[in-house]
Amino acid sequence: MGRALYDAVPAAREIFEQADEALGSKLSSLCFDGPDEELRLTANTQPAILAASIAALKALEQHDLAADFVAGHSLGEYSALVAAGSLSFGDAVVTVRKRGLFMQEAVPAGEGAMAALIGASPEVVSAICLEAQELGTCSPANLNSPSQTVIAGHRSAVEKAAEIAKKRGAKRAVMLAVSAPFHCELMSPAAARLQPVLEEISFADLRIPLVTNVDAAFITSGKEAKQSLLRQVASPVRWSESVRLMLDSGVTTFVEVGPGKVLSGLIRQIDRDCTVLNVEDAQSLDATVAALER
């Protein structure tokens, strides 16, 4: 993760070096060489994805390209705030390591679960979750697109909801291989532990507007940014609404920075007419720069 940009772009290499120094450990080696089982631990995954994302951003910025708006999905909101100049990368990478640990420890292993319900509207998913709540917490966690919603909660309730969804006509209901039930009320203990961490960090006002996960609304103040990061821990990610807000504000081109192209796929589900690019390695960087310059 991130090795190609580390090797090719000095500005990207500096980000990984800053991450190693801030964390007091070789996150870069873990990203590049594994082992995978250690990298998959949430306390490692979150700073690793953040570092790879900001490395990709810095590589893109070397070409004098800048965004008009920023947004990030869950953890990605930290990357977006770094990009907007509200949060320093050093503070962000230390905080997301703690965030990952707090989220992992909020629910005993095996008690929580998440599932992706595909081909059912958000309204239908909400009704299904209400029905499954007789077995425990179950609620929409990631409102990803008009046809994809991820749900989270107690395992028995989430499994029940997945069964109901299949009977109600959903194309697929897939249990996800995650370490905790993110973005539901079971994460409230994690939010409580994160609050004093966020209070110790300086948040500057944003240079460019950010669309928040929790409200799907533009913010520009550091105070709002801090509150949004805290509130999003136990609240659903309103990604589809966030993308729609940017589209309605005149955005025609989206650039996903960081490992993978999951968000690119979701944006295309929301609007097939917009241009979607990504930067995750040297090849995609060159392609994206060429496309933007055209």
C-alpha atoms as a PDB file:
ATOM      1  CA  MET A   1       0.000   0.000   0.000  1.00  0.00           C
ATOM      2  CA  GLY A   2       1.551   3.256  -1.172  1.00  0.00           C
ATOM      3  CA  ARG A   3       4.929   1.788  -2.131  1.00  0.00           C
ATOM      4  CA  ALA A   4       4.836   2.927  -5.770  1.00  0.00           C
ATOM      5  CA  LEU A   5       4.279   6.569  -4.832  1.00  0.00           C
ATOM      6  CA  TYR A   6       6.859   6.305  -2.035  1.00  0.00           C
ATOM      7  CA  ASP A   7       9.450   5.206  -4.585  1.00  0.00           C
ATOM      8  CA  ALA A   8       8.449   7.688  -7.288  1.00  0.00           C
ATOM      9  CA  VAL A   9       7.500  10.934  -5.540  1.00  0.00           C
ATOM     10  CA  PRO A  10       9.644  12.591  -2.831  1.00  0.00           C
ATOM     11  CA  ALA A  11       6.636  14.448  -1.406  1.00  0.00           C
ATOM     12  CA  ALA A  12       4.829  11.139  -0.926  1.00  0.00           C
ATOM     13  CA  ARG A  13       7.912   9.603   0.691  1.00  0.00           C
ATOM     14  CA  GLU A  14       7.992  12.461   3.195  1.00  0.00           C
ATOM     15  CA  ILE A  15       4.439  11.631   4.314  1.00  0.00           C
ATOM     16  CA  PHE A  16       5.345   8.060   5.203  1.00  0.00           C
ATOM     17  CA  GLU A  17       8.442   9.299   7.002  1.00  0.00           C
ATOM     18  CA  GLN A  18       6.310  11.757   8.985  1.00  0.00           C
ATOM     19  CA  ALA A  19       3.912   8.942   9.882  1.00  0.00           C
ATOM     20  CA  ASP A  20       6.755   6.760  11.169  1.00  0.00           C
ATOM     21  CA  GLU A  21       8.054   9.624  13.304  1.00  0.00           C
ATOM     22  CA  ALA A  22       4.642  10.640  14.669  1.00  0.00           C
ATOM     23  CA  LEU A  23       3.675   7.078  15.608  1.00  0.00           C
ATOM     24  CA  GLY A  24       7.104   6.027  16.840  1.00  0.00           C
ATOM     25  CA  SER A  25       6.930   2.873  14.720  1.00  0.00           C
ATOM     26  CA  LYS A  26       7.577   1.812  11.122  1.00  0.00           C
ATOM     27  CA  LEU A  27       4.109   2.182   9.656  1.00  0.00           C
ATOM     28  CA  SER A  28       5.759   2.456   6.238  1.00  0.00           C
ATOM     29  CA  SER A  29       7.271  -1.036   6.522  1.00  0.00           C
ATOM     30  CA  LEU A  30       3.893  -2.427   7.582  1.00  0.00           C
ATOM     31  CA  CYS A  31       2.225  -0.775   4.574  1.00  0.00           C
ATOM     32  CA  PHE A  32       4.819  -2.045   2.108  1.00  0.00           C
ATOM     33  CA  ASP A  33       5.743  -5.465   3.483  1.00  0.00           C
ATOM     34  CA  GLY A  34       3.009  -6.530   5.922  1.00  0.00           C
ATOM     35  CA  PRO A  35       2.337  -8.979   7.426  1.00  0.00           C
ATOM     36  CA  ASP A  36      -1.240  -8.650   6.187  1.00  0.00           C
ATOM     37  CA  GLU A  37      -2.802  -9.956   9.389  1.00  0.00           C
ATOM     38  CA  GLU A  38      -1.150  -7.144  11.326  1.00  0.00           C
ATOM     39  CA  LEU A  39      -2.033  -4.551   8.709  1.00  0.00           C
ATOM     40  CA  ARG A  40      -5.692  -5.626   8.896  1.00  0.00           C
ATOM     41  CA  LEU A  41      -5.897  -4.683  12.578  1.00  0.00           C
ATOM     42  CA  THR A  42      -8.067  -1.564  12.726  1.00  0.00           C
ATOM     43  CA  ALA A  43      -5.512   0.363  14.791  1.00  0.00           C
ATOM     44  CA  ASN A  44      -3.026  -0.189  11.946  1.00  0.00           C
ATOM     45  CA  THR A  45      -5.409  -0.079   8.982  1.00  0.00           C
ATOM     46  CA  GLN A  46      -6.678   3.398   9.761  1.00  0.00           C
ATOM     47  CA  PRO A  47      -3.294   5.197   9.943  1.00  0.00           C
ATOM     48  CA  ALA A  48      -2.054   3.146   6.970  1.00  0.00           C
ATOM     49  CA  ILE A  49      -4.944   4.226   4.736  1.00  0.00           C
ATOM     50  CA  LEU A  50      -4.606   7.817   5.935  1.00  0.00           C
ATOM     51  CA  ALA A  51      -0.885   7.878   5.148  1.00  0.00           C
ATOM     52  CA  ALA A  52      -1.370   6.323   1.709  1.00  0.00           C
ATOM     53  CA  SER A  53      -4.173   8.785   0.946  1.00  0.00           C
ATOM     54  CA  ILE A  54      -2.204  11.883   1.941  1.00  0.00           C
ATOM     55  CA  ALA A  55       0.833  10.586   0.059  1.00  0.00           C
ATOM     56  CA  ALA A  56      -1.358  10.357  -3.048  1.00  0.00           C
ATOM     57  CA  LEU A  57      -2.689  13.848  -2.392  1.00  0.00           C
ATOM     58  CA  LYS A  58       0.810  15.304  -2.079  1.00  0.00           C
ATOM     59  CA  ALA A  59       1.825  13.598  -5.305  1.00  0.00           C
ATOM     60  CA  LEU A  60      -1.146  15.199  -7.056  1.00  0.00           C
ATOM     61  CA  GLU A  61      -0.411  18.612  -5.573  1.00  0.00           C
ATOM     62  CA  GLN A  62       3.048  18.554  -7.168  1.00  0.00           C
ATOM     63  CA  HIS A  63       1.238  19.232 -10.449  1.00  0.00           C
ATOM     64  CA  ASP A  64      -0.402  22.428  -9.159  1.00  0.00           C
ATOM     65  CA  LEU A  65      -3.820  20.796  -8.990  1.00  0.00           C
ATOM     66  CA  ALA A  66      -6.211  21.702  -6.192  1.00  0.00           C
ATOM     67  CA  ALA A  67      -9.771  20.838  -5.206  1.00  0.00           C
ATOM     68  CA  ASP A  68     -12.783  23.135  -4.895  1.00  0.00           C
ATOM     69  CA  PHE A  69     -14.429  20.896  -2.280  1.00  0.00           C
ATOM     70  CA  VAL A  70     -13.345  17.906  -0.198  1.00  0.00           C
ATOM     71  CA  ALA A  71     -15.173  14.953   1.327  1.00  0.00           C
ATOM     72  CA  GLY A  72     -14.161  11.646   2.834  1.00  0.00           C
ATOM     73  CA  HIS A  73     -15.967   8.421   3.651  1.00  0.00           C
ATOM     74  CA  SER A  74     -15.672   7.644   7.395  1.00  0.00           C
ATOM     75  CA  LEU A  75     -11.909   7.533   8.052  1.00  0.00           C
ATOM     76  CA  GLY A  76     -11.486   9.509   4.838  1.00  0.00           C
ATOM     77  CA  GLU A  77     -12.920  12.582   6.521  1.00  0.00           C
ATOM     78  CA  TYR A  78      -9.585  12.918   8.339  1.00  0.00           C
ATOM     79  CA  SER A  79      -7.767  12.896   4.994  1.00  0.00           C
ATOM     80  CA  ALA A  80     -10.199  15.503   3.695  1.00  0.00           C
ATOM     81  CA  LEU A  81      -9.523  17.768   6.671  1.00  0.00           C
ATOM     82  CA  VAL A  82      -5.770  17.439   6.146  1.00  0.00           C
ATOM     83  CA  ALA A  83      -6.316  18.354   2.496  1.00  0.00           C
ATOM     84  CA  ALA A  84      -8.395  21.381   3.536  1.00  0.00           C
ATOM     85  CA  GLY A  85      -5.680  22.627   5.895  1.00  0.00           C
ATOM     86  CA  SER A  86      -7.747  22.189   9.045  1.00  0.00           C
ATOM     87  CA  LEU A  87      -5.832  19.297  10.597  1.00  0.00           C
ATOM     88  CA  SER A  88      -2.106  18.572  10.537  1.00  0.00           C
ATOM     89  CA  PHE A  89      -1.079  15.199   9.151  1.00  0.00           C
ATOM     90  CA  GLY A  90       0.866  14.391  12.325  1.00  0.00           C
ATOM     91  CA  ASP A  91      -2.158  14.993  14.547  1.00  0.00           C
ATOM     92  CA  ALA A  92      -4.390  13.091  12.138  1.00  0.00           C
ATOM     93  CA  VAL A  93      -2.268   9.929  11.938  1.00  0.00           C
ATOM     94  CA  VAL A  94      -1.883   9.687  15.718  1.00  0.00           C
ATOM     95  CA  THR A  95      -5.589  10.310  16.250  1.00  0.00           C
ATOM     96  CA  VAL A  96      -6.811   7.721  13.769  1.00  0.00           C
ATOM     97  CA  ARG A  97      -4.623   5.068  15.380  1.00  0.00           C
ATOM     98  CA  LYS A  98      -6.408   5.790  18.660  1.00  0.00           C
ATOM     99  CA  ARG A  99      -9.752   5.954  16.864  1.00  0.00           C
ATOM    100  CA  GLY A 100      -9.164   2.518  15.406  1.00  0.00           C
ATOM    101  CA  LEU A 101      -8.254   1.088  18.796  1.00  0.00           C
ATOM    102  CA  PHE A 102     -11.285   2.666  20.477  1.00  0.00           C
ATOM    103  CA  MET A 103     -13.623   1.335  17.798  1.00  0.00           C
ATOM    104  CA  GLN A 104     -12.113  -2.142  18.008  1.00  0.00           C
ATOM    105  CA  GLU A 105     -12.512  -2.242  21.779  1.00  0.00           C
ATOM    106  CA  ALA A 106     -16.043  -0.803  21.879  1.00  0.00           C
ATOM    107  CA  VAL A 107     -17.699  -4.160  21.158  1.00  0.00           C
ATOM    108  CA  PRO A 108     -16.392  -7.606  22.181  1.00  0.00           C
ATOM    109  CA  ALA A 109     -15.077  -9.641  19.255  1.00  0.00           C
ATOM    110  CA  GLY A 110     -17.815 -11.572  17.486  1.00  0.00           C
ATOM    111  CA  GLU A 111     -20.744  -9.645  18.984  1.00  0.00           C
ATOM    112  CA  GLY A 112     -21.036  -7.075  16.219  1.00  0.00           C
ATOM    113  CA  ALA A 113     -21.363  -7.311  12.456  1.00  0.00           C
ATOM    114  CA  MET A 114     -21.945  -5.340   9.276  1.00  0.00           C
ATOM    115  CA  ALA A 115     -23.659  -6.319   6.031  1.00  0.00           C
ATOM    116  CA  ALA A 116     -24.002  -4.700   2.621  1.00  0.00           C
ATOM    117  CA  LEU A 117     -27.542  -4.709   1.250  1.00  0.00           C
ATOM    118  CA  ILE A 118     -27.452  -4.207  -2.521  1.00  0.00           C
ATOM    119  CA  GLY A 119     -30.433  -3.490  -4.718  1.00  0.00           C
ATOM    120  CA  ALA A 120     -32.696  -2.161  -1.966  1.00  0.00           C
ATOM    121  CA  SER A 121     -33.566   1.505  -1.442  1.00  0.00           C
ATOM    122  CA  PRO A 122     -32.485   3.291   1.758  1.00  0.00           C
ATOM    123  CA  GLU A 123     -36.139   3.469   2.800  1.00  0.00           C
ATOM    124  CA  VAL A 124     -36.588  -0.294   2.457  1.00  0.00           C
ATOM    125  CA  VAL A 125     -33.327  -0.919   4.339  1.00  0.00           C
ATOM    126  CA  SER A 126     -34.464   1.312   7.218  1.00  0.00           C
ATOM    127  CA  ALA A 127     -37.724  -0.653   7.494  1.00  0.00           C
ATOM    128  CA  ILE A 128     -35.822  -3.951   7.469  1.00  0.00           C
ATOM    129  CA  CYS A 129     -33.525  -2.730  10.237  1.00  0.00           C
ATOM    130  CA  LEU A 130     -36.501  -1.761  12.386  1.00  0.00           C
ATOM    131  CA  GLU A 131     -37.909  -5.255  11.995  1.00  0.00           C
ATOM    132  CA  ALA A 132     -34.583  -6.889  12.899  1.00  0.00           C
ATOM    133  CA  GLN A 133     -34.120  -4.757  16.018  1.00  0.00           C
ATOM    134  CA  GLU A 134     -36.091  -7.293  18.051  1.00  0.00           C
ATOM    135  CA  LEU A 135     -32.757  -9.166  18.187  1.00  0.00           C
ATOM    136  CA  GLY A 136     -30.593  -6.157  19.063  1.00  0.00           C
ATOM    137  CA  THR A 137     -29.098  -3.033  17.560  1.00  0.00           C
ATOM    138  CA  CYS A 138     -29.414  -2.855  13.779  1.00  0.00           C
ATOM    139  CA  SER A 139     -29.316   0.341  11.723  1.00  0.00           C
ATOM    140  CA  PRO A 140     -28.048   1.850   8.454  1.00  0.00           C
ATOM    141  CA  ALA A 141     -24.328   2.625   8.822  1.00  0.00           C
ATOM    142  CA  ASN A 142     -23.123   3.637   5.341  1.00  0.00           C
ATOM    143  CA  LEU A 143     -25.655   5.179   2.957  1.00  0.00           C
ATOM    144  CA  ASN A 144     -23.369   4.594   0.006  1.00  0.00           C
ATOM    145  CA  SER A 145     -25.600   4.978  -3.043  1.00  0.00           C
ATOM    146  CA  PRO A 146     -29.284   4.764  -3.975  1.00  0.00           C
ATOM    147  CA  SER A 147     -28.893   1.006  -4.307  1.00  0.00           C
ATOM    148  CA  GLN A 148     -26.277   0.157  -1.653  1.00  0.00           C
ATOM    149  CA  THR A 149     -26.585   0.545   2.095  1.00  0.00           C
ATOM    150  CA  VAL A 150     -24.332  -1.043   4.705  1.00  0.00           C
ATOM    151  CA  ILE A 151     -25.973  -1.891   8.014  1.00  0.00           C
ATOM    152  CA  ALA A 152     -24.355  -2.450  11.419  1.00  0.00           C
ATOM    153  CA  GLY A 153     -25.245  -3.695  14.891  1.00  0.00           C
ATOM    154  CA  HIS A 154     -25.416  -6.861  16.947  1.00  0.00           C
ATOM    155  CA  ARG A 155     -24.524  -9.885  14.835  1.00  0.00           C
ATOM    156  CA  SER A 156     -27.825 -11.719  15.322  1.00  0.00           C
ATOM    157  CA  ALA A 157     -29.848  -8.653  14.322  1.00  0.00           C
ATOM    158  CA  VAL A 158     -27.670  -7.895  11.289  1.00  0.00           C
ATOM    159  CA  GLU A 159     -27.891 -11.510  10.110  1.00  0.00           C
ATOM    160  CA  LYS A 160     -31.673 -11.363  10.528  1.00  0.00           C
ATOM    161  CA  ALA A 161     -31.821  -8.160   8.499  1.00  0.00           C
ATOM    162  CA  ALA A 162     -29.764  -9.768   5.742  1.00  0.00           C
ATOM    163  CA  GLU A 163     -32.219 -12.679   5.606  1.00  0.00           C
ATOM    164  CA  ILE A 164     -35.196 -10.326   5.441  1.00  0.00           C
ATOM    165  CA  ALA A 165     -33.538  -8.261   2.715  1.00  0.00           C
ATOM    166  CA  LYS A 166     -33.153 -11.305   0.485  1.00  0.00           C
ATOM    167  CA  LYS A 167     -36.848 -12.130   0.932  1.00  0.00           C
ATOM    168  CA  ARG A 168     -37.801  -8.509   0.176  1.00  0.00           C
ATOM    169  CA  GLY A 169     -36.069  -8.533  -3.197  1.00  0.00           C
ATOM    170  CA  ALA A 170     -32.571  -7.225  -2.499  1.00  0.00           C
ATOM    171  CA  LYS A 171     -30.134  -8.386  -5.181  1.00  0.00           C
ATOM    172  CA  ARG A 172     -27.516  -9.297  -2.603  1.00  0.00           C
ATOM    173  CA  ALA A 173     -27.043  -9.252   1.148  1.00  0.00           C
ATOM    174  CA  VAL A 174     -23.382  -9.767   2.013  1.00  0.00           C
ATOM    175  CA  MET A 175     -21.943 -10.113   5.503  1.00  0.00           C
ATOM    176  CA  LEU A 176     -18.740  -8.054   5.644  1.00  0.00           C
ATOM    177  CA  ALA A 177     -15.394  -9.161   7.044  1.00  0.00           C
ATOM    178  CA  VAL A 178     -14.965  -6.265   9.479  1.00  0.00           C
ATOM    179  CA  SER A 179     -13.561  -6.112  12.974  1.00  0.00           C
ATOM    180  CA  ALA A 180     -16.380  -4.074  14.537  1.00  0.00           C
ATOM    181  CA  PRO A 181     -19.887  -2.707  13.790  1.00  0.00           C
ATOM    182  CA  PHE A 182     -18.908   0.805  12.749  1.00  0.00           C
ATOM    183  CA  HIS A 183     -21.174   3.860  12.577  1.00  0.00           C
ATOM    184  CA  CYS A 184     -23.978   2.645  14.810  1.00  0.00           C
ATOM    185  CA  GLU A 185     -24.921   3.267  18.445  1.00  0.00           C
ATOM    186  CA  LEU A 186     -22.639   0.431  19.588  1.00  0.00           C
ATOM    187  CA  MET A 187     -19.746   2.792  18.805  1.00  0.00           C
ATOM    188  CA  SER A 188     -20.855   5.310  21.459  1.00  0.00           C
ATOM    189  CA  PRO A 189     -18.128   4.144  23.904  1.00  0.00           C
ATOM    190  CA  ALA A 190     -15.534   4.765  21.189  1.00  0.00           C
ATOM    191  CA  ALA A 191     -16.882   8.274  20.639  1.00  0.00           C
ATOM    192  CA  ALA A 192     -16.668   8.983  24.370  1.00  0.00           C
ATOM    193  CA  ARG A 193     -13.002   7.918  24.421  1.00  0.00           C
ATOM    194  CA  LEU A 194     -12.217   9.884  21.266  1.00  0.00           C
ATOM    195  CA  GLN A 195     -13.660  13.157  22.545  1.00  0.00           C
ATOM    196  CA  PRO A 196     -10.789  14.137  24.890  1.00  0.00           C
ATOM    197  CA  VAL A 197      -8.284  13.192  22.166  1.00  0.00           C
ATOM    198  CA  LEU A 198      -9.955  15.556  19.709  1.00  0.00           C
ATOM    199  CA  GLU A 199     -10.163  18.292  22.337  1.00  0.00           C
ATOM    200  CA  GLU A 200      -6.368  18.303  22.596  1.00  0.00           C
ATOM    201  CA  ILE A 201      -5.908  18.909  18.861  1.00  0.00           C
ATOM    202  CA  SER A 202      -5.851  22.240  17.062  1.00  0.00           C
ATOM    203  CA  PHE A 203      -8.384  22.518  14.209  1.00  0.00           C
ATOM    204  CA  ALA A 204      -7.914  25.497  11.894  1.00  0.00           C
ATOM    205  CA  ASP A 205     -10.676  26.898   9.728  1.00  0.00           C
ATOM    206  CA  LEU A 206     -10.810  25.125   6.376  1.00  0.00           C
ATOM    207  CA  ARG A 207      -9.273  26.608   3.236  1.00  0.00           C
ATOM    208  CA  ILE A 208     -11.933  24.898   1.125  1.00  0.00           C
ATOM    209  CA  PRO A 209     -15.387  23.594   2.144  1.00  0.00           C
ATOM    210  CA  LEU A 210     -15.815  20.021   3.362  1.00  0.00           C
ATOM    211  CA  VAL A 211     -19.001  17.972   3.088  1.00  0.00           C
ATOM    212  CA  THR A 212     -19.466  16.154   6.388  1.00  0.00           C
ATOM    213  CA  ASN A 213     -20.425  12.511   6.762  1.00  0.00           C
ATOM    214  CA  VAL A 214     -22.834  13.122   9.594  1.00  0.00           C
ATOM    215  CA  ASP A 215     -24.907  15.956   8.095  1.00  0.00           C
ATOM    216  CA  ALA A 216     -24.106  15.804   4.360  1.00  0.00           C
ATOM    217  CA  ALA A 217     -23.596  19.567   4.593  1.00  0.00           C
ATOM    218  CA  PHE A 218     -20.784  22.019   3.870  1.00  0.00           C
ATOM    219  CA  ILE A 219     -18.637  23.281   6.736  1.00  0.00           C
ATOM    220  CA  THR A 220     -15.698  25.679   6.809  1.00  0.00           C
ATOM    221  CA  SER A 221     -14.883  26.172  10.507  1.00  0.00           C
ATOM    222  CA  GLY A 222     -12.436  24.182  12.603  1.00  0.00           C
ATOM    223  CA  LYS A 223     -14.964  23.943  15.425  1.00  0.00           C
ATOM    224  CA  GLU A 224     -17.495  22.305  13.108  1.00  0.00           C
ATOM    225  CA  ALA A 225     -14.814  19.934  11.819  1.00  0.00           C
ATOM    226  CA  LYS A 226     -13.973  18.699  15.315  1.00  0.00           C
ATOM    227  CA  GLN A 227     -17.636  18.170  16.167  1.00  0.00           C
ATOM    228  CA  SER A 228     -18.260  16.330  12.920  1.00  0.00           C
ATOM    229  CA  LEU A 229     -15.406  13.871  13.533  1.00  0.00           C
ATOM    230  CA  LEU A 230     -16.790  13.098  16.963  1.00  0.00           C
ATOM    231  CA  ARG A 231     -20.404  12.724  15.851  1.00  0.00           C
ATOM    232  CA  GLN A 232     -19.603  10.501  12.865  1.00  0.00           C
ATOM    233  CA  VAL A 233     -18.195   7.668  15.019  1.00  0.00           C
ATOM    234  CA  ALA A 234     -21.641   6.418  16.079  1.00  0.00           C
ATOM    235  CA  SER A 235     -23.670   7.931  13.221  1.00  0.00           C
ATOM    236  CA  PRO A 236     -24.290   6.778   9.650  1.00  0.00           C
ATOM    237  CA  VAL A 237     -22.081   7.960   6.791  1.00  0.00           C
ATOM    238  CA  ARG A 238     -24.381   9.873   4.429  1.00  0.00           C
ATOM    239  CA  TRP A 239     -22.181   9.404   1.390  1.00  0.00           C
ATOM    240  CA  SER A 240     -24.834   9.377  -1.321  1.00  0.00           C
ATOM    241  CA  GLU A 241     -26.288  12.658  -0.071  1.00  0.00           C
ATOM    242  CA  SER A 242     -22.802  14.156   0.223  1.00  0.00           C
ATOM    243  CA  VAL A 243     -21.967  13.366  -3.390  1.00  0.00           C
ATOM    244  CA  ARG A 244     -25.340  14.652  -4.536  1.00  0.00           C
ATOM    245  CA  LEU A 245     -24.724  17.937  -2.697  1.00  0.00           C
ATOM    246  CA  MET A 246     -21.436  18.411  -4.536  1.00  0.00           C
ATOM    247  CA  LEU A 247     -23.060  17.567  -7.867  1.00  0.00           C
ATOM    248  CA  ASP A 248     -25.810  20.091  -7.190  1.00  0.00           C
ATOM    249  CA  SER A 249     -23.090  22.651  -6.358  1.00  0.00           C
ATOM    250  CA  GLY A 250     -21.576  22.304  -9.820  1.00  0.00           C
ATOM    251  CA  VAL A 251     -18.982  19.560  -9.354  1.00  0.00           C
ATOM    252  CA  THR A 252     -18.431  17.574 -12.542  1.00  0.00           C
ATOM    253  CA  THR A 253     -15.109  15.839 -11.753  1.00  0.00           C
ATOM    254  CA  PHE A 254     -14.195  13.769  -8.696  1.00  0.00           C
ATOM    255  CA  VAL A 255     -10.693  12.540  -7.842  1.00  0.00           C
ATOM    256  CA  GLU A 256     -10.363   9.714  -5.322  1.00  0.00           C
ATOM    257  CA  VAL A 257      -6.974   9.716  -3.594  1.00  0.00           C
ATOM    258  CA  GLY A 258      -5.706   6.684  -1.714  1.00  0.00           C
ATOM    259  CA  PRO A 259      -5.736   2.895  -2.036  1.00  0.00           C
ATOM    260  CA  GLY A 260      -8.498   1.309  -4.078  1.00  0.00           C
ATOM    261  CA  LYS A 261     -11.372   2.661  -6.155  1.00  0.00           C
ATOM    262  CA  VAL A 262     -14.384   1.859  -3.989  1.00  0.00           C
ATOM    263  CA  LEU A 263     -15.570   5.457  -3.784  1.00  0.00           C
ATOM    264  CA  SER A 264     -15.112   5.887  -7.525  1.00  0.00           C
ATOM    265  CA  GLY A 265     -17.540   3.016  -8.053  1.00  0.00           C
ATOM    266  CA  LEU A 266     -20.061   4.465  -5.614  1.00  0.00           C
ATOM    267  CA  ILE A 267     -19.917   7.896  -7.255  1.00  0.00           C
ATOM    268  CA  ARG A 268     -20.635   6.299 -10.636  1.00  0.00           C
ATOM    269  CA  GLN A 269     -23.672   4.581  -9.093  1.00  0.00           C
ATOM    270  CA  ILE A 270     -24.913   7.973  -7.907  1.00  0.00           C
ATOM    271  CA  ASP A 271     -24.273   9.820 -11.196  1.00  0.00           C
ATOM    272  CA  ARG A 272     -22.981   8.194 -14.367  1.00  0.00           C
ATOM    273  CA  ASP A 273     -22.473  11.506 -16.179  1.00  0.00           C
ATOM    274  CA  CYS A 274     -19.695  12.900 -13.976  1.00  0.00           C
ATOM    275  CA  THR A 275     -15.979  12.254 -14.486  1.00  0.00           C
ATOM    276  CA  VAL A 276     -14.354  10.060 -11.825  1.00  0.00           C
ATOM    277  CA  LEU A 277     -10.563   9.705 -11.537  1.00  0.00           C
ATOM    278  CA  ASN A 278      -8.257   8.234  -8.928  1.00  0.00           C
ATOM    279  CA  VAL A 279      -4.682   8.414  -7.651  1.00  0.00           C
ATOM    280  CA  GLU A 280      -3.217   5.427  -5.817  1.00  0.00           C
ATOM    281  CA  ASP A 281       0.070   4.745  -7.611  1.00  0.00           C
ATOM    282  CA  ALA A 282       2.412   6.290 -10.186  1.00  0.00           C
ATOM    283  CA  GLN A 283       0.409   5.000 -13.155  1.00  0.00           C
ATOM    284  CA  SER A 284      -2.943   6.323 -11.941  1.00  0.00           C
ATOM    285  CA  LEU A 285      -1.262   9.610 -10.972  1.00  0.00           C
ATOM    286  CA  ASP A 286      -0.019  10.121 -14.524  1.00  0.00           C
ATOM    287  CA  ALA A 287      -3.401   9.199 -16.001  1.00  0.00           C
ATOM    288  CA  THR A 288      -5.297  11.524 -13.680  1.00  0.00           C
ATOM    289  CA  VAL A 289      -2.956  14.456 -14.243  1.00  0.00           C
ATOM    290  CA  ALA A 290      -3.260  13.999 -17.996  1.00  0.00           C
ATOM    291  CA  ALA A 291      -7.051  13.848 -17.784  1.00  0.00           C
ATOM    292  CA  LEU A 292      -7.284  16.957 -15.604  1.00  0.00           C
ATOM    293  CA  GLU A 293      -4.914  18.923 -17.822  1.00  0.00           C
ATOM    294  CA  ARG A 294      -7.110  18.099 -20.827  1.00  0.00           C
END
